[in-house]
Amino acid sequence: SFLMYASRFLRPDMTVLEVGPGGGKWTVRIAPLVKKGIVLDGAESMLARTRARCASLGITNGEFVLANG
């Protein structure tokens, strides 16, 4: 899976940028492995879904940015 592959490159001291998180499927898998996650999307609705998904799992190390890239 993606996480199995990606986890080799992620460290607890990293800040990562995720562009286009969709509903946060990978955000919630990556966030526990890094210091901070910056989530960027062009749609406020996708940021809201990702933010809610993170909050429901107690993930608090994210920053959510609305931008058109």
PDB file of N, CA and C in Angstrom:
ATOM      1  N   SER A   1       0.830  -1.192   0.000  1.00  0.00           N
ATOM      2  CA  SER A   1       0.000   0.000   0.000  1.00  0.00           C
ATOM      3  C   SER A   1       0.873   1.255   0.000  1.00  0.00           C
ATOM      4  N   PHE A   2       0.256   2.367  -0.272  1.00  0.00           N
ATOM      5  CA  PHE A   2       0.965   3.641  -0.302  1.00  0.00           C
ATOM      6  C   PHE A   2       1.648   3.923   1.028  1.00  0.00           C
ATOM      7  N   LEU A   3       0.940   3.705   2.122  1.00  0.00           N
ATOM      8  CA  LEU A   3       1.508   4.002   3.435  1.00  0.00           C
ATOM      9  C   LEU A   3       2.741   3.160   3.708  1.00  0.00           C
ATOM     10  N   MET A   4       2.703   1.900   3.330  1.00  0.00           N
ATOM     11  CA  MET A   4       3.847   1.037   3.532  1.00  0.00           C
ATOM     12  C   MET A   4       5.062   1.588   2.778  1.00  0.00           C
ATOM     13  N   TYR A   5       4.831   2.065   1.591  1.00  0.00           N
ATOM     14  CA  TYR A   5       5.902   2.645   0.791  1.00  0.00           C
ATOM     15  C   TYR A   5       6.342   3.983   1.369  1.00  0.00           C
ATOM     16  N   ALA A   6       5.401   4.859   1.648  1.00  0.00           N
ATOM     17  CA  ALA A   6       5.701   6.220   2.088  1.00  0.00           C
ATOM     18  C   ALA A   6       6.307   6.259   3.485  1.00  0.00           C
ATOM     19  N   SER A   7       5.908   5.358   4.355  1.00  0.00           N
ATOM     20  CA  SER A   7       6.383   5.413   5.737  1.00  0.00           C
ATOM     21  C   SER A   7       7.906   5.300   5.830  1.00  0.00           C
ATOM     22  N   ARG A   8       8.533   4.723   4.841  1.00  0.00           N
ATOM     23  CA  ARG A   8      10.003   4.633   4.827  1.00  0.00           C
ATOM     24  C   ARG A   8      10.650   6.010   4.742  1.00  0.00           C
ATOM     25  N   PHE A   9       9.913   6.977   4.193  1.00  0.00           N
ATOM     26  CA  PHE A   9      10.463   8.306   3.958  1.00  0.00           C
ATOM     27  C   PHE A   9       9.992   9.338   4.984  1.00  0.00           C
ATOM     28  N   LEU A  10       9.095   8.948   5.870  1.00  0.00           N
ATOM     29  CA  LEU A  10       8.533   9.872   6.846  1.00  0.00           C
ATOM     30  C   LEU A  10       9.219   9.709   8.190  1.00  0.00           C
ATOM     31  N   ARG A  11       9.482  10.859   8.831  1.00  0.00           N
ATOM     32  CA  ARG A  11      10.136  10.853  10.140  1.00  0.00           C
ATOM     33  C   ARG A  11       9.382  11.771  11.099  1.00  0.00           C
ATOM     34  N   PRO A  12       9.471  11.527  12.386  1.00  0.00           N
ATOM     35  CA  PRO A  12       8.746  12.319  13.378  1.00  0.00           C
ATOM     36  C   PRO A  12       9.141  13.795  13.417  1.00  0.00           C
ATOM     37  N   ASP A  13      10.283  14.170  12.839  1.00  0.00           N
ATOM     38  CA  ASP A  13      10.719  15.568  12.861  1.00  0.00           C
ATOM     39  C   ASP A  13      10.328  16.329  11.585  1.00  0.00           C
ATOM     40  N   MET A  14       9.594  15.698  10.681  1.00  0.00           N
ATOM     41  CA  MET A  14       9.279  16.295   9.386  1.00  0.00           C
ATOM     42  C   MET A  14       7.988  17.111   9.388  1.00  0.00           C
ATOM     43  N   THR A  15       7.982  18.109   8.501  1.00  0.00           N
ATOM     44  CA  THR A  15       6.757  18.787   8.106  1.00  0.00           C
ATOM     45  C   THR A  15       6.504  18.368   6.664  1.00  0.00           C
ATOM     46  N   VAL A  16       5.294  17.892   6.378  1.00  0.00           N
ATOM     47  CA  VAL A  16       4.985  17.428   5.030  1.00  0.00           C
ATOM     48  C   VAL A  16       3.854  18.254   4.432  1.00  0.00           C
ATOM     49  N   LEU A  17       3.845  18.341   3.120  1.00  0.00           N
ATOM     50  CA  LEU A  17       2.803  19.041   2.385  1.00  0.00           C
ATOM     51  C   LEU A  17       2.015  18.008   1.589  1.00  0.00           C
ATOM     52  N   GLU A  18       0.712  18.024   1.777  1.00  0.00           N
ATOM     53  CA  GLU A  18      -0.168  17.154   0.992  1.00  0.00           C
ATOM     54  C   GLU A  18      -1.047  18.056   0.133  1.00  0.00           C
ATOM     55  N   VAL A  19      -0.963  17.883  -1.166  1.00  0.00           N
ATOM     56  CA  VAL A  19      -1.744  18.685  -2.102  1.00  0.00           C
ATOM     57  C   VAL A  19      -2.921  17.855  -2.588  1.00  0.00           C
ATOM     58  N   GLY A  20      -4.120  18.394  -2.421  1.00  0.00           N
ATOM     59  CA  GLY A  20      -5.320  17.702  -2.872  1.00  0.00           C
ATOM     60  C   GLY A  20      -5.660  16.494  -2.031  1.00  0.00           C
ATOM     61  N   PRO A  21      -5.991  16.680  -0.763  1.00  0.00           N
ATOM     62  CA  PRO A  21      -6.206  15.545   0.135  1.00  0.00           C
ATOM     63  C   PRO A  21      -7.507  14.777  -0.091  1.00  0.00           C
ATOM     64  N   GLY A  22      -8.391  15.311  -0.913  1.00  0.00           N
ATOM     65  CA  GLY A  22      -9.697  14.656  -1.041  1.00  0.00           C
ATOM     66  C   GLY A  22     -10.389  14.697   0.304  1.00  0.00           C
ATOM     67  N   GLY A  23     -10.808  13.563   0.792  1.00  0.00           N
ATOM     68  CA  GLY A  23     -11.469  13.504   2.090  1.00  0.00           C
ATOM     69  C   GLY A  23     -10.539  13.195   3.246  1.00  0.00           C
ATOM     70  N   GLY A  24      -9.238  13.166   2.996  1.00  0.00           N
ATOM     71  CA  GLY A  24      -8.263  12.964   4.061  1.00  0.00           C
ATOM     72  C   GLY A  24      -7.860  11.528   4.302  1.00  0.00           C
ATOM     73  N   LYS A  25      -8.144  10.648   3.343  1.00  0.00           N
ATOM     74  CA  LYS A  25      -7.820   9.225   3.499  1.00  0.00           C
ATOM     75  C   LYS A  25      -6.359   9.014   3.874  1.00  0.00           C
ATOM     76  N   TRP A  26      -5.453   9.680   3.171  1.00  0.00           N
ATOM     77  CA  TRP A  26      -4.030   9.514   3.447  1.00  0.00           C
ATOM     78  C   TRP A  26      -3.553  10.472   4.524  1.00  0.00           C
ATOM     79  N   THR A  27      -4.213  11.598   4.673  1.00  0.00           N
ATOM     80  CA  THR A  27      -3.844  12.569   5.700  1.00  0.00           C
ATOM     81  C   THR A  27      -3.822  11.916   7.074  1.00  0.00           C
ATOM     82  N   VAL A  28      -4.859  11.153   7.377  1.00  0.00           N
ATOM     83  CA  VAL A  28      -4.955  10.544   8.716  1.00  0.00           C
ATOM     84  C   VAL A  28      -3.963   9.400   8.905  1.00  0.00           C
ATOM     85  N   ARG A  29      -3.425   8.883   7.826  1.00  0.00           N
ATOM     86  CA  ARG A  29      -2.420   7.834   7.924  1.00  0.00           C
ATOM     87  C   ARG A  29      -1.009   8.427   8.055  1.00  0.00           C
ATOM     88  N   ILE A  30      -0.795   9.548   7.390  1.00  0.00           N
ATOM     89  CA  ILE A  30       0.516  10.188   7.396  1.00  0.00           C
ATOM     90  C   ILE A  30       0.726  11.017   8.659  1.00  0.00           C
ATOM     91  N   ALA A  31      -0.294  11.732   9.098  1.00  0.00           N
ATOM     92  CA  ALA A  31      -0.157  12.675  10.223  1.00  0.00           C
ATOM     93  C   ALA A  31       0.473  12.082  11.481  1.00  0.00           C
ATOM     94  N   PRO A  32       0.127  10.876  11.892  1.00  0.00           N
ATOM     95  CA  PRO A  32       0.755  10.331  13.106  1.00  0.00           C
ATOM     96  C   PRO A  32       2.252  10.050  12.965  1.00  0.00           C
ATOM     97  N   LEU A  33       2.750  10.046  11.741  1.00  0.00           N
ATOM     98  CA  LEU A  33       4.148   9.705  11.494  1.00  0.00           C
ATOM     99  C   LEU A  33       5.062  10.920  11.381  1.00  0.00           C
ATOM    100  N   VAL A  34       4.476  12.137  11.377  1.00  0.00           N
ATOM    101  CA  VAL A  34       5.258  13.351  11.169  1.00  0.00           C
ATOM    102  C   VAL A  34       4.955  14.394  12.240  1.00  0.00           C
ATOM    103  N   LYS A  35       5.823  15.400  12.309  1.00  0.00           N
ATOM    104  CA  LYS A  35       5.631  16.487  13.274  1.00  0.00           C
ATOM    105  C   LYS A  35       4.434  17.351  12.891  1.00  0.00           C
ATOM    106  N   LYS A  36       4.331  17.689  11.597  1.00  0.00           N
ATOM    107  CA  LYS A  36       3.263  18.578  11.130  1.00  0.00           C
ATOM    108  C   LYS A  36       2.896  18.222   9.698  1.00  0.00           C
ATOM    109  N   GLY A  37       1.608  18.334   9.405  1.00  0.00           N
ATOM    110  CA  GLY A  37       1.140  18.152   8.051  1.00  0.00           C
ATOM    111  C   GLY A  37       0.438  19.403   7.582  1.00  0.00           C
ATOM    112  N   ILE A  38       0.833  19.884   6.421  1.00  0.00           N
ATOM    113  CA  ILE A  38       0.158  21.019   5.796  1.00  0.00           C
ATOM    114  C   ILE A  38      -0.670  20.450   4.655  1.00  0.00           C
ATOM    115  N   VAL A  39      -1.961  20.701   4.724  1.00  0.00           N
ATOM    116  CA  VAL A  39      -2.894  20.161   3.744  1.00  0.00           C
ATOM    117  C   VAL A  39      -3.396  21.319   2.888  1.00  0.00           C
ATOM    118  N   LEU A  40      -3.175  21.230   1.585  1.00  0.00           N
ATOM    119  CA  LEU A  40      -3.548  22.304   0.669  1.00  0.00           C
ATOM    120  C   LEU A  40      -4.568  21.781  -0.334  1.00  0.00           C
ATOM    121  N   ASP A  41      -5.641  22.537  -0.502  1.00  0.00           N
ATOM    122  CA  ASP A  41      -6.651  22.155  -1.488  1.00  0.00           C
ATOM    123  C   ASP A  41      -7.296  23.410  -2.046  1.00  0.00           C
ATOM    124  N   GLY A  42      -7.841  23.298  -3.240  1.00  0.00           N
ATOM    125  CA  GLY A  42      -8.527  24.405  -3.892  1.00  0.00           C
ATOM    126  C   GLY A  42      -9.997  24.461  -3.561  1.00  0.00           C
ATOM    127  N   ALA A  43     -10.491  23.483  -2.818  1.00  0.00           N
ATOM    128  CA  ALA A  43     -11.915  23.435  -2.463  1.00  0.00           C
ATOM    129  C   ALA A  43     -12.069  23.438  -0.941  1.00  0.00           C
ATOM    130  N   GLU A  44     -12.769  24.433  -0.449  1.00  0.00           N
ATOM    131  CA  GLU A  44     -13.010  24.523   0.992  1.00  0.00           C
ATOM    132  C   GLU A  44     -13.741  23.290   1.508  1.00  0.00           C
ATOM    133  N   SER A  45     -14.623  22.718   0.689  1.00  0.00           N
ATOM    134  CA  SER A  45     -15.378  21.537   1.123  1.00  0.00           C
ATOM    135  C   SER A  45     -14.461  20.348   1.397  1.00  0.00           C
ATOM    136  N   MET A  46     -13.400  20.180   0.602  1.00  0.00           N
ATOM    137  CA  MET A  46     -12.457  19.080   0.828  1.00  0.00           C
ATOM    138  C   MET A  46     -11.622  19.340   2.080  1.00  0.00           C
ATOM    139  N   LEU A  47     -11.236  20.586   2.291  1.00  0.00           N
ATOM    140  CA  LEU A  47     -10.507  20.922   3.512  1.00  0.00           C
ATOM    141  C   LEU A  47     -11.377  20.667   4.735  1.00  0.00           C
ATOM    142  N   ALA A  48     -12.646  21.019   4.646  1.00  0.00           N
ATOM    143  CA  ALA A  48     -13.563  20.804   5.773  1.00  0.00           C
ATOM    144  C   ALA A  48     -13.716  19.318   6.073  1.00  0.00           C
ATOM    145  N   ARG A  49     -13.837  18.507   5.025  1.00  0.00           N
ATOM    146  CA  ARG A  49     -13.954  17.054   5.225  1.00  0.00           C
ATOM    147  C   ARG A  49     -12.697  16.484   5.866  1.00  0.00           C
ATOM    148  N   THR A  50     -11.543  16.925   5.384  1.00  0.00           N
ATOM    149  CA  THR A  50     -10.282  16.434   5.928  1.00  0.00           C
ATOM    150  C   THR A  50     -10.103  16.897   7.367  1.00  0.00           C
ATOM    151  N   ARG A  51     -10.420  18.162   7.620  1.00  0.00           N
ATOM    152  CA  ARG A  51     -10.314  18.709   8.978  1.00  0.00           C
ATOM    153  C   ARG A  51     -11.205  17.926   9.944  1.00  0.00           C
ATOM    154  N   ALA A  52     -12.433  17.637   9.524  1.00  0.00           N
ATOM    155  CA  ALA A  52     -13.376  16.889  10.366  1.00  0.00           C
ATOM    156  C   ALA A  52     -12.888  15.462  10.606  1.00  0.00           C
ATOM    157  N   ARG A  53     -12.352  14.845   9.577  1.00  0.00           N
ATOM    158  CA  ARG A  53     -11.834  13.478   9.718  1.00  0.00           C
ATOM    159  C   ARG A  53     -10.681  13.444  10.715  1.00  0.00           C
ATOM    160  N   CYS A  54      -9.781  14.407  10.605  1.00  0.00           N
ATOM    161  CA  CYS A  54      -8.657  14.487  11.545  1.00  0.00           C
ATOM    162  C   CYS A  54      -9.159  14.717  12.968  1.00  0.00           C
ATOM    163  N   ALA A  55     -10.084  15.646  13.119  1.00  0.00           N
ATOM    164  CA  ALA A  55     -10.612  15.959  14.456  1.00  0.00           C
ATOM    165  C   ALA A  55     -11.280  14.745  15.080  1.00  0.00           C
ATOM    166  N   SER A  56     -11.997  13.972  14.282  1.00  0.00           N
ATOM    167  CA  SER A  56     -12.693  12.803  14.816  1.00  0.00           C
ATOM    168  C   SER A  56     -11.727  11.739  15.327  1.00  0.00           C
ATOM    169  N   LEU A  57     -10.484  11.793  14.847  1.00  0.00           N
ATOM    170  CA  LEU A  57      -9.467  10.825  15.259  1.00  0.00           C
ATOM    171  C   LEU A  57      -8.455  11.429  16.230  1.00  0.00           C
ATOM    172  N   GLY A  58      -8.691  12.660  16.643  1.00  0.00           N
ATOM    173  CA  GLY A  58      -7.792  13.311  17.594  1.00  0.00           C
ATOM    174  C   GLY A  58      -6.475  13.764  16.995  1.00  0.00           C
ATOM    175  N   ILE A  59      -6.434  13.923  15.689  1.00  0.00           N
ATOM    176  CA  ILE A  59      -5.211  14.376  15.010  1.00  0.00           C
ATOM    177  C   ILE A  59      -5.193  15.901  15.032  1.00  0.00           C
ATOM    178  N   THR A  60      -4.159  16.462  15.637  1.00  0.00           N
ATOM    179  CA  THR A  60      -4.118  17.916  15.837  1.00  0.00           C
ATOM    180  C   THR A  60      -2.885  18.583  15.231  1.00  0.00           C
ATOM    181  N   ASN A  61      -2.074  17.852  14.505  1.00  0.00           N
ATOM    182  CA  ASN A  61      -0.842  18.424  13.980  1.00  0.00           C
ATOM    183  C   ASN A  61      -0.970  18.890  12.523  1.00  0.00           C
ATOM    184  N   GLY A  62      -2.182  19.272  12.121  1.00  0.00           N
ATOM    185  CA  GLY A  62      -2.402  19.691  10.749  1.00  0.00           C
ATOM    186  C   GLY A  62      -2.680  21.168  10.612  1.00  0.00           C
ATOM    187  N   GLU A  63      -2.292  21.695   9.475  1.00  0.00           N
ATOM    188  CA  GLU A  63      -2.620  23.061   9.072  1.00  0.00           C
ATOM    189  C   GLU A  63      -3.341  22.940   7.729  1.00  0.00           C
ATOM    190  N   PHE A  64      -4.438  23.653   7.585  1.00  0.00           N
ATOM    191  CA  PHE A  64      -5.271  23.503   6.398  1.00  0.00           C
ATOM    192  C   PHE A  64      -5.261  24.804   5.614  1.00  0.00           C
ATOM    193  N   VAL A  65      -4.855  24.726   4.344  1.00  0.00           N
ATOM    194  CA  VAL A  65      -4.657  25.909   3.521  1.00  0.00           C
ATOM    195  C   VAL A  65      -5.523  25.833   2.278  1.00  0.00           C
ATOM    196  N   LEU A  66      -6.321  26.872   2.059  1.00  0.00           N
ATOM    197  CA  LEU A  66      -7.131  26.985   0.846  1.00  0.00           C
ATOM    198  C   LEU A  66      -6.334  27.788  -0.170  1.00  0.00           C
ATOM    199  N   ALA A  67      -6.044  27.186  -1.312  1.00  0.00           N
ATOM    200  CA  ALA A  67      -5.281  27.857  -2.358  1.00  0.00           C
ATOM    201  C   ALA A  67      -5.586  27.215  -3.703  1.00  0.00           C
ATOM    202  N   ASN A  68      -5.413  27.961  -4.754  1.00  0.00           N
ATOM    203  CA  ASN A  68      -5.726  27.411  -6.071  1.00  0.00           C
ATOM    204  C   ASN A  68      -4.503  26.806  -6.756  1.00  0.00           C
ATOM    205  N   GLY A  69      -3.382  26.752  -6.047  1.00  0.00           N
ATOM    206  CA  GLY A  69      -2.202  26.071  -6.560  1.00  0.00           C
ATOM    207  C   GLY A  69      -1.563  26.794  -7.697  1.00  0.00           C
TER     208      GLY A  69
END
